[in-house]
Protein backbone atom coordinates (compact mmCIF):
# COMPACT_ATOMS: atom_id res chain seq x y z
CA MET A 1 -58.83 31.82 -47.48
CA ALA A 2 -60.24 28.69 -45.90
CA THR A 3 -60.82 28.56 -42.15
CA ILE A 4 -58.90 25.69 -40.56
CA LEU A 5 -60.78 23.91 -37.77
CA GLU A 6 -59.44 21.89 -34.86
CA ARG A 7 -61.09 18.58 -33.94
CA ASP A 8 -63.36 20.48 -31.59
CA ASP A 9 -64.36 22.73 -34.54
CA SER A 10 -62.41 25.73 -33.25
CA PRO A 11 -60.32 27.60 -35.86
CA ARG A 12 -56.56 27.06 -36.01
CA ASP A 13 -53.60 29.36 -36.74
CA HIS A 14 -51.66 28.09 -39.76
CA TYR A 15 -49.20 28.72 -42.54
CA ALA A 16 -50.57 28.84 -46.08
CA ALA A 17 -47.93 27.11 -48.22
CA ILE A 18 -47.49 27.61 -51.96
CA LEU A 19 -44.72 27.09 -54.51
CA LYS A 20 -43.63 30.36 -56.08
CA ASN A 21 -41.01 30.22 -58.83
CA GLY A 22 -39.97 26.78 -57.57
CA SER A 23 -39.50 27.92 -53.96
CA LEU A 24 -41.65 27.12 -50.95
CA VAL A 25 -43.43 30.21 -49.59
CA MET A 26 -45.27 29.98 -46.27
CA GLU A 27 -47.44 32.86 -45.11
CA PRO A 28 -48.77 32.88 -41.52
CA HIS A 29 -52.52 33.31 -40.94
CA CYS A 30 -54.55 33.70 -37.78
CA ALA A 31 -57.40 31.29 -37.11
CA CYS A 32 -59.77 34.13 -38.06
CA GLY A 33 -58.23 34.14 -41.57
CA ASN A 34 -56.32 37.38 -41.11
CA PRO A 35 -52.77 37.37 -42.62
CA LEU A 36 -50.10 37.91 -39.95
CA ASN A 37 -47.00 40.09 -39.91
CA GLU A 38 -43.58 38.94 -38.69
CA ASP A 39 -44.61 39.42 -35.05
CA TYR A 40 -47.52 36.92 -35.45
CA PHE A 41 -49.88 39.31 -33.66
CA CYS A 42 -53.41 39.48 -35.05
CA ASP A 43 -54.81 43.01 -35.00
CA ARG A 44 -58.31 41.70 -35.65
CA CYS A 45 -58.36 39.22 -32.72
CA ASN A 46 -55.91 41.18 -30.58
CA ARG A 47 -53.90 38.07 -29.73
CA GLN A 48 -50.53 36.44 -30.33
CA CYS A 49 -50.88 33.57 -32.83
CA HIS A 50 -48.99 30.26 -32.86
CA CYS A 51 -48.89 28.49 -36.23
CA ARG A 52 -48.44 24.72 -35.82
CA GLN A 53 -50.13 23.58 -39.02
CA ILE A 54 -49.15 24.03 -42.66
CA VAL A 55 -51.95 24.10 -45.23
CA CYS A 56 -50.79 23.39 -48.79
CA ASP A 57 -52.49 24.64 -51.95
CA ASN A 58 -51.85 21.49 -54.03
CA GLU A 59 -50.37 17.97 -53.98
CA THR A 60 -46.93 19.10 -55.22
CA THR A 61 -46.58 21.56 -52.35
CA LEU A 62 -47.92 18.97 -49.90
CA ASP A 63 -45.30 16.42 -51.01
CA LEU A 64 -42.49 18.97 -50.61
CA VAL A 65 -43.63 20.00 -47.11
CA LYS A 66 -43.93 16.34 -46.07
CA ARG A 67 -40.31 15.80 -47.19
CA TYR A 68 -39.21 18.79 -45.09
CA ILE A 69 -41.10 17.42 -42.08
CA ARG A 70 -39.36 14.04 -42.43
CA LYS A 71 -35.86 15.46 -42.99
CA SER A 72 -35.65 18.67 -40.97
CA SER A 73 -35.96 19.10 -37.22
CA GLN A 74 -37.20 22.67 -37.84
CA PHE A 75 -40.32 21.25 -39.51
CA SER A 76 -40.84 18.13 -37.39
CA ALA A 77 -43.33 19.73 -34.96
CA PHE A 78 -45.72 20.81 -37.73
CA LYS A 79 -48.83 19.06 -38.98
CA VAL A 80 -49.57 19.31 -42.69
CA LYS A 81 -52.68 19.02 -44.82
CA LEU A 82 -54.07 19.90 -48.20
CA ILE A 83 -56.46 22.84 -48.30
CA GLY A 84 -60.02 21.62 -48.03
CA GLN A 85 -59.12 18.47 -46.04
CA SER A 86 -60.31 18.01 -42.50
């Protein structure tokens, strides 16, 4: 899993977004790269994580997430990017 960096080069909590059988699947990850459970607590870092960015695995997923961000208030606070982009 790629480490997501903030502008100041510090890692960022995020959702890894993929399309699985035509449905959007978003899995939360700590800035350290550790997958998170439903409570968003990272056992490795011993901290509560806050995912505000969605990292998409490909352009198709990115386009879908961007549509959700435009149309749904539940997604409007998120930033989105393609994996590997800064």
